[in-house]
C-alpha atoms as a PDB file:
ATOM      1  CA  MET A   1     -22.388 -11.182  -6.643  1.00  0.00           C
ATOM      2  CA  ALA A   2     -21.590 -14.477  -8.516  1.00  0.00           C
ATOM      3  CA  ALA A   3     -22.205 -17.383  -6.869  1.00  0.00           C
ATOM      4  CA  VAL A   4     -19.027 -19.353  -6.547  1.00  0.00           C
ATOM      5  CA  GLU A   5     -18.610 -23.054  -7.654  1.00  0.00           C
ATOM      6  CA  GLU A   6     -17.789 -25.559  -5.022  1.00  0.00           C
ATOM      7  CA  GLY A   7     -14.216 -26.418  -5.117  1.00  0.00           C
ATOM      8  CA  ALA A   8     -13.265 -23.402  -7.119  1.00  0.00           C
ATOM      9  CA  PRO A   9     -10.266 -21.387  -5.614  1.00  0.00           C
ATOM     10  CA  PRO A  10     -11.424 -17.899  -4.089  1.00  0.00           C
ATOM     11  CA  ARG A  11     -11.441 -15.457  -6.503  1.00  0.00           C
ATOM     12  CA  GLU A  12      -9.939 -12.880  -3.722  1.00  0.00           C
ATOM     13  CA  LEU A  13      -7.031 -12.406  -1.560  1.00  0.00           C
ATOM     14  CA  VAL A  14      -6.692  -9.663   0.926  1.00  0.00           C
ATOM     15  CA  VAL A  15      -2.994  -9.134   1.559  1.00  0.00           C
ATOM     16  CA  ASP A  16      -2.703  -7.572   5.010  1.00  0.00           C
ATOM     17  CA  PRO A  17       0.817  -8.013   6.209  1.00  0.00           C
ATOM     18  CA  THR A  18       2.204  -6.510   9.547  1.00  0.00           C
ATOM     19  CA  ALA A  19       3.637  -3.224   9.689  1.00  0.00           C
ATOM     20  CA  ALA A  20       7.662  -3.457   9.940  1.00  0.00           C
ATOM     21  CA  PRO A  21       8.432  -2.510  13.570  1.00  0.00           C
ATOM     22  CA  GLY A  22      10.972   0.350  14.431  1.00  0.00           C
ATOM     23  CA  ASP A  23      14.181  -0.879  15.960  1.00  0.00           C
ATOM     24  CA  SER A  24      17.030   0.816  18.014  1.00  0.00           C
ATOM     25  CA  SER A  25      19.367   0.580  14.580  1.00  0.00           C
ATOM     26  CA  ASP A  26      16.871   2.505  12.242  1.00  0.00           C
ATOM     27  CA  GLY A  27      17.479   6.005  13.593  1.00  0.00           C
ATOM     28  CA  ALA A  28      14.016   6.368  14.879  1.00  0.00           C
ATOM     29  CA  GLY A  29      15.193   8.135  18.006  1.00  0.00           C
ATOM     30  CA  SER A  30      15.154  11.759  16.629  1.00  0.00           C
ATOM     31  CA  ALA A  31      11.491  11.211  15.646  1.00  0.00           C
ATOM     32  CA  MET A  32      10.484  12.847  19.112  1.00  0.00           C
ATOM     33  CA  ALA A  33      12.835  15.885  18.630  1.00  0.00           C
ATOM     34  CA  PRO A  34      10.065  17.813  16.529  1.00  0.00           C
ATOM     35  CA  PHE A  35       7.714  17.396  19.525  1.00  0.00           C
ATOM     36  CA  ALA A  36      10.254  18.332  22.308  1.00  0.00           C
ATOM     37  CA  ILE A  37      11.151  21.389  20.450  1.00  0.00           C
ATOM     38  CA  THR A  38       7.711  22.381  19.936  1.00  0.00           C
ATOM     39  CA  ALA A  39       6.911  21.836  23.778  1.00  0.00           C
ATOM     40  CA  LEU A  40      10.062  23.788  24.851  1.00  0.00           C
ATOM     41  CA  VAL A  41       9.450  26.582  22.527  1.00  0.00           C
ATOM     42  CA  ALA A  42       5.875  26.800  23.442  1.00  0.00           C
ATOM     43  CA  GLY A  43       6.693  26.471  27.307  1.00  0.00           C
ATOM     44  CA  GLY A  44       9.263  29.325  26.740  1.00  0.00           C
ATOM     45  CA  LEU A  45       6.856  31.759  25.077  1.00  0.00           C
ATOM     46  CA  ALA A  46       4.087  30.883  27.635  1.00  0.00           C
ATOM     47  CA  LYS A  47       6.705  31.818  30.280  1.00  0.00           C
ATOM     48  CA  PHE A  48       8.252  34.864  29.286  1.00  0.00           C
ATOM     49  CA  VAL A  49       5.848  36.455  26.653  1.00  0.00           C
ATOM     50  CA  SER A  50       2.150  35.071  27.603  1.00  0.00           C
ATOM     51  CA  PRO A  51       0.111  31.856  27.851  1.00  0.00           C
ATOM     52  CA  THR A  52      -1.842  32.596  24.663  1.00  0.00           C
ATOM     53  CA  VAL A  53       1.036  33.199  22.677  1.00  0.00           C
ATOM     54  CA  GLY A  54       2.681  29.941  24.022  1.00  0.00           C
ATOM     55  CA  LEU A  55      -0.497  28.242  22.093  1.00  0.00           C
ATOM     56  CA  VAL A  56       0.535  29.105  18.822  1.00  0.00           C
ATOM     57  CA  PRO A  57       3.272  26.753  18.271  1.00  0.00           C
ATOM     58  CA  LEU A  58       0.921  23.733  19.652  1.00  0.00           C
ATOM     59  CA  VAL A  59      -1.652  24.946  17.253  1.00  0.00           C
ATOM     60  CA  VAL A  60       0.636  25.183  14.277  1.00  0.00           C
ATOM     61  CA  VAL A  61       1.962  21.637  14.800  1.00  0.00           C
ATOM     62  CA  ALA A  62      -1.161  20.288  14.917  1.00  0.00           C
ATOM     63  CA  VAL A  63      -2.447  21.686  11.648  1.00  0.00           C
ATOM     64  CA  VAL A  64       0.834  20.825  10.107  1.00  0.00           C
ATOM     65  CA  LEU A  65       0.185  16.988  11.626  1.00  0.00           C
ATOM     66  CA  LEU A  66      -3.338  16.986  10.156  1.00  0.00           C
ATOM     67  CA  VAL A  67      -2.285  18.031   6.642  1.00  0.00           C
ATOM     68  CA  MET A  68       0.784  15.924   6.388  1.00  0.00           C
ATOM     69  CA  LYS A  69      -1.286  12.585   7.468  1.00  0.00           C
ATOM     70  CA  LYS A  70      -1.461  10.007   4.990  1.00  0.00           C
ATOM     71  CA  PRO A  71      -4.782   8.878   4.518  1.00  0.00           C
ATOM     72  CA  ARG A  72      -5.666   5.165   5.299  1.00  0.00           C
ATOM     73  CA  GLN A  73      -6.397   3.079   2.092  1.00  0.00           C
ATOM     74  CA  GLY A  74      -7.065   0.110   3.744  1.00  0.00           C
ATOM     75  CA  ARG A  75      -5.573  -3.324   2.814  1.00  0.00           C
ATOM     76  CA  PHE A  76      -4.502  -4.547  -0.586  1.00  0.00           C
ATOM     77  CA  VAL A  77      -7.026  -6.688  -2.511  1.00  0.00           C
ATOM     78  CA  LEU A  78      -6.218  -9.276  -5.272  1.00  0.00           C
ATOM     79  CA  ARG A  79      -8.946 -10.280  -6.996  1.00  0.00           C
ATOM     80  CA  ILE A  80      -9.283 -12.308 -10.139  1.00  0.00           C
ATOM     81  CA  ASP A  81     -11.736 -11.517 -12.759  1.00  0.00           C
ATOM     82  CA  ASP A  82     -12.037 -12.662 -16.399  1.00  0.00           C
ATOM     83  CA  GLY A  83      -8.610 -14.079 -16.808  1.00  0.00           C
ATOM     84  CA  ALA A  84      -7.020 -10.870 -15.197  1.00  0.00           C
ATOM     85  CA  LEU A  85      -5.802  -9.543 -11.715  1.00  0.00           C
ATOM     86  CA  GLU A  86      -7.245  -6.642 -10.258  1.00  0.00           C
ATOM     87  CA  VAL A  87      -5.086  -4.871  -7.382  1.00  0.00           C
ATOM     88  CA  THR A  88      -6.963  -2.321  -5.183  1.00  0.00           C
ATOM     89  CA  ARG A  89      -7.244  -1.125  -2.075  1.00  0.00           C
ATOM     90  CA  GLU A  90     -10.304  -1.501   0.372  1.00  0.00           C
ATOM     91  CA  ARG A  91     -10.808   2.141   0.663  1.00  0.00           C
ATOM     92  CA  ALA A  92      -8.919   3.223  -2.481  1.00  0.00           C
ATOM     93  CA  ARG A  93      -9.029   6.844  -3.996  1.00  0.00           C
ATOM     94  CA  SER A  94      -7.430   5.707  -7.141  1.00  0.00           C
ATOM     95  CA  PRO A  95      -8.385   3.354  -9.884  1.00  0.00           C
ATOM     96  CA  ALA A  96      -7.604  -0.504  -9.732  1.00  0.00           C
ATOM     97  CA  VAL A  97      -4.573  -1.657 -11.379  1.00  0.00           C
ATOM     98  CA  ARG A  98      -5.618  -4.723 -13.863  1.00  0.00           C
ATOM     99  CA  ILE A  99      -3.211  -6.986 -15.329  1.00  0.00           C
ATOM    100  CA  ALA A 100      -3.909  -9.828 -17.599  1.00  0.00           C
ATOM    101  CA  LEU A 101      -2.507 -13.116 -15.972  1.00  0.00           C
ATOM    102  CA  ALA A 102      -0.731 -13.740 -19.387  1.00  0.00           C
ATOM    103  CA  ASP A 103       0.986 -10.540 -18.981  1.00  0.00           C
ATOM    104  CA  LEU A 104       1.910 -10.918 -15.322  1.00  0.00           C
ATOM    105  CA  LEU A 105       5.633 -11.920 -15.673  1.00  0.00           C
ATOM    106  CA  ASP A 106       6.710 -12.800 -12.004  1.00  0.00           C
ATOM    107  CA  VAL A 107       5.681 -12.087  -8.190  1.00  0.00           C
ATOM    108  CA  SER A 108       9.257 -11.267  -6.700  1.00  0.00           C
ATOM    109  CA  ILE A 109      10.599  -9.814  -3.476  1.00  0.00           C
ATOM    110  CA  ASP A 110      12.105  -6.076  -3.524  1.00  0.00           C
ATOM    111  CA  ARG A 111      14.650  -5.846  -1.140  1.00  0.00           C
ATOM    112  CA  GLN A 112      15.750  -2.730   0.993  1.00  0.00           C
ATOM    113  CA  THR A 113      18.634  -2.856   3.284  1.00  0.00           C
ATOM    114  CA  HIS A 114      19.033   0.220   5.577  1.00  0.00           C
ATOM    115  CA  HIS A 115      22.486   0.399   7.605  1.00  0.00           C
ATOM    116  CA  GLY A 116      22.074   1.813  10.956  1.00  0.00           C
ATOM    117  CA  ALA A 117      23.378   5.058  12.139  1.00  0.00           C
ATOM    118  CA  ARG A 118      26.642   5.110  14.543  1.00  0.00           C
ATOM    119  CA  GLY A 119      27.602   1.433  13.486  1.00  0.00           C
ATOM    120  CA  GLY A 120      24.093  -0.248  14.123  1.00  0.00           C
ATOM    121  CA  SER A 121      23.236  -3.324  12.252  1.00  0.00           C
ATOM    122  CA  ALA A 122      21.886  -3.331   8.890  1.00  0.00           C
ATOM    123  CA  THR A 123      18.109  -3.728   8.673  1.00  0.00           C
ATOM    124  CA  GLU A 124      16.411  -5.444   5.947  1.00  0.00           C
ATOM    125  CA  ARG A 125      12.628  -4.487   4.588  1.00  0.00           C
ATOM    126  CA  VAL A 126      10.698  -5.856   1.942  1.00  0.00           C
ATOM    127  CA  ARG A 127       7.616  -5.918  -0.459  1.00  0.00           C
ATOM    128  CA  LEU A 128       6.327  -7.583  -3.213  1.00  0.00           C
ATOM    129  CA  ALA A 129       6.563  -6.799  -6.672  1.00  0.00           C
ATOM    130  CA  LEU A 130       4.119  -7.569  -9.320  1.00  0.00           C
ATOM    131  CA  GLU A 131       6.019  -7.640 -12.336  1.00  0.00           C
ATOM    132  CA  ARG A 132       4.834  -6.775 -15.865  1.00  0.00           C
ATOM    133  CA  PRO A 133       6.263  -6.172 -19.217  1.00  0.00           C
ATOM    134  CA  ALA A 134       8.280  -3.152 -19.989  1.00  0.00           C
ATOM    135  CA  PRO A 135       7.551  -0.267 -20.025  1.00  0.00           C
ATOM    136  CA  ASP A 136       5.127  -0.791 -17.172  1.00  0.00           C
ATOM    137  CA  ALA A 137       6.470  -0.383 -13.775  1.00  0.00           C
ATOM    138  CA  PRO A 138       5.860  -3.444 -11.385  1.00  0.00           C
ATOM    139  CA  VAL A 139       2.872  -3.131  -8.967  1.00  0.00           C
ATOM    140  CA  PHE A 140       4.418  -3.004  -5.187  1.00  0.00           C
ATOM    141  CA  VAL A 141       2.202  -4.520  -2.576  1.00  0.00           C
ATOM    142  CA  PRO A 142       2.026  -3.332  -0.020  1.00  0.00           C
ATOM    143  CA  GLU A 143       3.688   0.205  -0.733  1.00  0.00           C
ATOM    144  CA  ASP A 144       5.818   0.496   2.848  1.00  0.00           C
ATOM    145  CA  ARG A 145       8.242  -2.187   3.138  1.00  0.00           C
ATOM    146  CA  VAL A 146       7.426  -5.106   5.765  1.00  0.00           C
ATOM    147  CA  THR A 147       9.956  -7.377   7.639  1.00  0.00           C
ATOM    148  CA  PRO A 148      11.646 -10.395   5.344  1.00  0.00           C
ATOM    149  CA  ILE A 149       9.396 -13.150   7.502  1.00  0.00           C
ATOM    150  CA  ASP A 150       6.283 -11.387   6.656  1.00  0.00           C
ATOM    151  CA  GLY A 151       7.349 -10.659   3.108  1.00  0.00           C
ATOM    152  CA  GLN A 152       7.996 -14.087   2.379  1.00  0.00           C
ATOM    153  CA  GLU A 153       5.099 -15.506   3.958  1.00  0.00           C
ATOM    154  CA  TRP A 154       2.867 -13.422   1.727  1.00  0.00           C
ATOM    155  CA  TYR A 155       4.983 -13.872  -1.372  1.00  0.00           C
ATOM    156  CA  GLY A 156       3.912 -17.508  -1.023  1.00  0.00           C
ATOM    157  CA  LYS A 157       0.498 -16.830  -0.289  1.00  0.00           C
ATOM    158  CA  VAL A 158       0.288 -14.591  -3.372  1.00  0.00           C
ATOM    159  CA  ARG A 159       1.982 -17.121  -5.738  1.00  0.00           C
ATOM    160  CA  VAL A 160      -0.396 -19.922  -4.697  1.00  0.00           C
ATOM    161  CA  PHE A 161      -3.326 -17.957  -5.114  1.00  0.00           C
ATOM    162  CA  LEU A 162      -2.226 -16.898  -8.612  1.00  0.00           C
ATOM    163  CA  ARG A 163      -1.476 -20.367  -9.603  1.00  0.00           C
ATOM    164  CA  LYS A 164      -4.633 -21.657  -8.435  1.00  0.00           C
ATOM    165  CA  HIS A 165      -6.144 -19.395 -11.224  1.00  0.00           C
ATOM    166  CA  GLY A 166      -3.820 -20.946 -13.892  1.00  0.00           C
ATOM    167  CA  TRP A 167      -0.952 -18.377 -13.643  1.00  0.00           C
ATOM    168  CA  VAL A 168       2.645 -19.571 -14.339  1.00  0.00           C
ATOM    169  CA  PRO A 169       5.575 -17.399 -14.016  1.00  0.00           C
ATOM    170  CA  ALA A 170       6.916 -16.162 -17.357  1.00  0.00           C
ATOM    171  CA  ASP A 171      10.379 -18.107 -16.897  1.00  0.00           C
ATOM    172  CA  GLN A 172       8.429 -21.412 -16.494  1.00  0.00           C
ATOM    173  CA  ARG A 173       5.771 -21.113 -19.432  1.00  0.00           C
ATOM    174  CA  ALA A 174       6.289 -23.316 -22.501  1.00  0.00           C
ATOM    175  CA  ALA A 175       8.215 -21.603 -25.285  1.00  0.00           C
ATOM    176  CA  PRO A 176       6.508 -21.658 -28.555  1.00  0.00           C
ATOM    177  CA  PRO A 177       7.360 -24.258 -30.969  1.00  0.00           C
ATOM    178  CA  SER A 178      10.408 -23.202 -33.416  1.00  0.00           C
ATOM    179  CA  THR A 179       9.626 -23.661 -37.154  1.00  0.00           C
ATOM    180  CA  PRO A 180      12.219 -25.373 -39.203  1.00  0.00           C
ATOM    181  CA  GLY A 181      14.043 -23.158 -41.520  1.00  0.00           C
ATOM    182  CA  PRO A 182      14.005 -23.689 -45.606  1.00  0.00           C
END
């Protein structure tokens, strides 16, 4: 690892937002239904067929949960290297995304509003979007949306980090001088 000059901005920013909590308006109450139904079916089979057969639904659900489990890739790491931003995960299995600072158009907040079931209040969740020129899609940090307060905090931290390394949003860059016509 290269030595960091004294007074130089840090080369790395670890983005670690807190996951958005569930609330009563997001319809999460039905998330227990598969477990409750599995317990009822297993209990019924154990009582009316045999205790061994009653274990089958429990084993099937355990296997399905293990297969469907998302691997934890760790926090997002933003690293500046040779005038480019590298976006990776701590325990990534996929290659890092590399964006030249000159090609990074903007950092914005991608908002999504979810209206609660049964007349519940609306819930807003956000994530950061690192915008690149078309046809490249934006890079979202984090992939899962977070609360607006946490998103706004990380929005500021990411923009300050990038600006310390010379990045300027595309709409604030100086336009090239126009040449007079003949």
